[in-house]
Amino acid sequence: MTGWRISKPGEADIRKAGFSTPWDAPMIPPFPLRFRDVEVLTL
């Protein structure tokens, strides 16, 4: 049964739903991601 799988929405699907973002806040961040003041603790 393969009918239950959900496909990834495309840009046209997002626009059809009425969702928009401002130009300075894109949905996909630029890479590489940068983090400030982060400490990673591992055991």
PDB file of N, CA and C in Angstrom:
ATOM      1  N   MET A   1       0.844  -1.183   0.000  1.00  0.00           N
ATOM      2  CA  MET A   1       0.000   0.000   0.000  1.00  0.00           C
ATOM      3  C   MET A   1       0.887   1.242   0.000  1.00  0.00           C
ATOM      4  N   THR A   2       0.854   2.007  -1.038  1.00  0.00           N
ATOM      5  CA  THR A   2       1.704   3.198  -1.129  1.00  0.00           C
ATOM      6  C   THR A   2       0.894   4.483  -1.151  1.00  0.00           C
ATOM      7  N   GLY A   3      -0.411   4.411  -1.019  1.00  0.00           N
ATOM      8  CA  GLY A   3      -1.247   5.604  -1.082  1.00  0.00           C
ATOM      9  C   GLY A   3      -1.162   6.492   0.146  1.00  0.00           C
ATOM     10  N   TRP A   4      -0.556   6.011   1.228  1.00  0.00           N
ATOM     11  CA  TRP A   4      -0.512   6.788   2.460  1.00  0.00           C
ATOM     12  C   TRP A   4       0.678   7.732   2.530  1.00  0.00           C
ATOM     13  N   ARG A   5       1.614   7.614   1.626  1.00  0.00           N
ATOM     14  CA  ARG A   5       2.806   8.464   1.666  1.00  0.00           C
ATOM     15  C   ARG A   5       2.457   9.898   1.296  1.00  0.00           C
ATOM     16  N   ILE A   6       3.088  10.832   1.982  1.00  0.00           N
ATOM     17  CA  ILE A   6       2.866  12.254   1.735  1.00  0.00           C
ATOM     18  C   ILE A   6       4.069  12.796   0.976  1.00  0.00           C
ATOM     19  N   SER A   7       3.816  13.477  -0.112  1.00  0.00           N
ATOM     20  CA  SER A   7       4.916  14.047  -0.884  1.00  0.00           C
ATOM     21  C   SER A   7       5.276  15.427  -0.340  1.00  0.00           C
ATOM     22  N   LYS A   8       6.519  15.800  -0.540  1.00  0.00           N
ATOM     23  CA  LYS A   8       7.010  17.096  -0.080  1.00  0.00           C
ATOM     24  C   LYS A   8       6.325  18.206  -0.876  1.00  0.00           C
ATOM     25  N   PRO A   9       5.785  19.224  -0.191  1.00  0.00           N
ATOM     26  CA  PRO A   9       5.111  20.298  -0.928  1.00  0.00           C
ATOM     27  C   PRO A   9       6.105  21.134  -1.719  1.00  0.00           C
ATOM     28  N   GLY A  10       5.707  21.533  -2.885  1.00  0.00           N
ATOM     29  CA  GLY A  10       6.543  22.383  -3.721  1.00  0.00           C
ATOM     30  C   GLY A  10       6.209  23.848  -3.505  1.00  0.00           C
ATOM     31  N   GLU A  11       6.928  24.707  -4.176  1.00  0.00           N
ATOM     32  CA  GLU A  11       6.705  26.144  -4.032  1.00  0.00           C
ATOM     33  C   GLU A  11       5.305  26.536  -4.485  1.00  0.00           C
ATOM     34  N   ALA A  12       4.793  25.893  -5.527  1.00  0.00           N
ATOM     35  CA  ALA A  12       3.442  26.195  -6.014  1.00  0.00           C
ATOM     36  C   ALA A  12       2.392  25.814  -4.974  1.00  0.00           C
ATOM     37  N   ASP A  13       2.592  24.700  -4.274  1.00  0.00           N
ATOM     38  CA  ASP A  13       1.654  24.288  -3.231  1.00  0.00           C
ATOM     39  C   ASP A  13       1.638  25.284  -2.075  1.00  0.00           C
ATOM     40  N   ILE A  14       2.803  25.790  -1.713  1.00  0.00           N
ATOM     41  CA  ILE A  14       2.892  26.756  -0.618  1.00  0.00           C
ATOM     42  C   ILE A  14       2.207  28.060  -1.007  1.00  0.00           C
ATOM     43  N   ARG A  15       2.435  28.523  -2.230  1.00  0.00           N
ATOM     44  CA  ARG A  15       1.799  29.762  -2.684  1.00  0.00           C
ATOM     45  C   ARG A  15       0.286  29.610  -2.796  1.00  0.00           C
ATOM     46  N   LYS A  16      -0.179  28.424  -3.222  1.00  0.00           N
ATOM     47  CA  LYS A  16      -1.609  28.184  -3.374  1.00  0.00           C
ATOM     48  C   LYS A  16      -2.313  28.260  -2.018  1.00  0.00           C
ATOM     49  N   ALA A  17      -1.627  27.858  -0.962  1.00  0.00           N
ATOM     50  CA  ALA A  17      -2.211  27.874   0.376  1.00  0.00           C
ATOM     51  C   ALA A  17      -2.273  29.278   0.966  1.00  0.00           C
ATOM     52  N   GLY A  18      -1.662  30.258   0.327  1.00  0.00           N
ATOM     53  CA  GLY A  18      -1.715  31.626   0.824  1.00  0.00           C
ATOM     54  C   GLY A  18      -0.620  31.957   1.815  1.00  0.00           C
ATOM     55  N   PHE A  19       0.429  31.156   1.856  1.00  0.00           N
ATOM     56  CA  PHE A  19       1.531  31.383   2.783  1.00  0.00           C
ATOM     57  C   PHE A  19       2.629  32.155   2.075  1.00  0.00           C
ATOM     58  N   SER A  20       3.160  33.174   2.722  1.00  0.00           N
ATOM     59  CA  SER A  20       4.255  33.935   2.133  1.00  0.00           C
ATOM     60  C   SER A  20       5.226  34.350   3.227  1.00  0.00           C
ATOM     61  N   THR A  21       6.455  34.619   2.837  1.00  0.00           N
ATOM     62  CA  THR A  21       7.464  35.101   3.774  1.00  0.00           C
ATOM     63  C   THR A  21       8.081  36.369   3.207  1.00  0.00           C
ATOM     64  N   PRO A  22       8.552  37.260   4.077  1.00  0.00           N
ATOM     65  CA  PRO A  22       9.246  38.447   3.575  1.00  0.00           C
ATOM     66  C   PRO A  22      10.585  38.057   2.947  1.00  0.00           C
ATOM     67  N   TRP A  23      11.102  38.908   2.089  1.00  0.00           N
ATOM     68  CA  TRP A  23      12.349  38.603   1.380  1.00  0.00           C
ATOM     69  C   TRP A  23      13.525  38.426   2.329  1.00  0.00           C
ATOM     70  N   ASP A  24      13.525  39.134   3.469  1.00  0.00           N
ATOM     71  CA  ASP A  24      14.663  39.031   4.379  1.00  0.00           C
ATOM     72  C   ASP A  24      14.519  37.876   5.374  1.00  0.00           C
ATOM     73  N   ALA A  25      13.471  37.078   5.274  1.00  0.00           N
ATOM     74  CA  ALA A  25      13.290  35.915   6.136  1.00  0.00           C
ATOM     75  C   ALA A  25      12.929  34.704   5.279  1.00  0.00           C
ATOM     76  N   PRO A  26      13.895  34.151   4.543  1.00  0.00           N
ATOM     77  CA  PRO A  26      13.590  33.021   3.659  1.00  0.00           C
ATOM     78  C   PRO A  26      13.231  31.766   4.452  1.00  0.00           C
ATOM     79  N   MET A  27      12.513  30.860   3.815  1.00  0.00           N
ATOM     80  CA  MET A  27      12.120  29.613   4.474  1.00  0.00           C
ATOM     81  C   MET A  27      13.307  28.680   4.642  1.00  0.00           C
ATOM     82  N   ILE A  28      14.291  28.765   3.783  1.00  0.00           N
ATOM     83  CA  ILE A  28      15.473  27.910   3.866  1.00  0.00           C
ATOM     84  C   ILE A  28      16.666  28.792   4.217  1.00  0.00           C
ATOM     85  N   PRO A  29      17.304  28.557   5.375  1.00  0.00           N
ATOM     86  CA  PRO A  29      18.418  29.417   5.780  1.00  0.00           C
ATOM     87  C   PRO A  29      19.646  29.184   4.915  1.00  0.00           C
ATOM     88  N   PRO A  30      20.518  30.172   4.815  1.00  0.00           N
ATOM     89  CA  PRO A  30      21.760  29.979   4.075  1.00  0.00           C
ATOM     90  C   PRO A  30      22.669  28.990   4.812  1.00  0.00           C
ATOM     91  N   PHE A  31      23.466  28.276   4.062  1.00  0.00           N
ATOM     92  CA  PHE A  31      24.383  27.314   4.654  1.00  0.00           C
ATOM     93  C   PHE A  31      25.805  27.802   4.483  1.00  0.00           C
ATOM     94  N   PRO A  32      26.715  27.536   5.375  1.00  0.00           N
ATOM     95  CA  PRO A  32      26.535  26.731   6.582  1.00  0.00           C
ATOM     96  C   PRO A  32      25.820  27.520   7.672  1.00  0.00           C
ATOM     97  N   LEU A  33      25.137  26.809   8.552  1.00  0.00           N
ATOM     98  CA  LEU A  33      24.448  27.460   9.666  1.00  0.00           C
ATOM     99  C   LEU A  33      25.483  27.966  10.663  1.00  0.00           C
ATOM    100  N   ARG A  34      25.211  29.078  11.261  1.00  0.00           N
ATOM    101  CA  ARG A  34      26.129  29.642  12.251  1.00  0.00           C
ATOM    102  C   ARG A  34      25.395  29.828  13.567  1.00  0.00           C
ATOM    103  N   PHE A  35      26.046  29.446  14.653  1.00  0.00           N
ATOM    104  CA  PHE A  35      25.482  29.595  15.984  1.00  0.00           C
ATOM    105  C   PHE A  35      26.443  30.430  16.816  1.00  0.00           C
ATOM    106  N   ARG A  36      25.887  31.328  17.612  1.00  0.00           N
ATOM    107  CA  ARG A  36      26.715  32.161  18.479  1.00  0.00           C
ATOM    108  C   ARG A  36      26.565  31.706  19.923  1.00  0.00           C
ATOM    109  N   ASP A  37      27.636  31.761  20.668  1.00  0.00           N
ATOM    110  CA  ASP A  37      27.643  31.444  22.100  1.00  0.00           C
ATOM    111  C   ASP A  37      27.014  30.080  22.384  1.00  0.00           C
ATOM    112  N   VAL A  38      27.507  29.055  21.723  1.00  0.00           N
ATOM    113  CA  VAL A  38      26.965  27.711  21.892  1.00  0.00           C
ATOM    114  C   VAL A  38      28.034  26.820  22.499  1.00  0.00           C
ATOM    115  N   GLU A  39      27.644  26.084  23.529  1.00  0.00           N
ATOM    116  CA  GLU A  39      28.534  25.095  24.121  1.00  0.00           C
ATOM    117  C   GLU A  39      27.894  23.730  23.939  1.00  0.00           C
ATOM    118  N   VAL A  40      28.639  22.804  23.377  1.00  0.00           N
ATOM    119  CA  VAL A  40      28.139  21.453  23.173  1.00  0.00           C
ATOM    120  C   VAL A  40      28.764  20.562  24.231  1.00  0.00           C
ATOM    121  N   LEU A  41      27.924  19.963  25.051  1.00  0.00           N
ATOM    122  CA  LEU A  41      28.400  19.082  26.113  1.00  0.00           C
ATOM    123  C   LEU A  41      28.136  17.644  25.707  1.00  0.00           C
ATOM    124  N   THR A  42      29.163  16.832  25.727  1.00  0.00           N
ATOM    125  CA  THR A  42      29.011  15.416  25.398  1.00  0.00           C
ATOM    126  C   THR A  42      29.563  14.571  26.528  1.00  0.00           C
ATOM    127  N   LEU A  43      29.091  13.357  26.607  1.00  0.00           N
ATOM    128  CA  LEU A  43      29.579  12.427  27.637  1.00  0.00           C
ATOM    129  C   LEU A  43      30.470  11.386  27.016  1.00  0.00           C
TER     130      LEU A  43
END
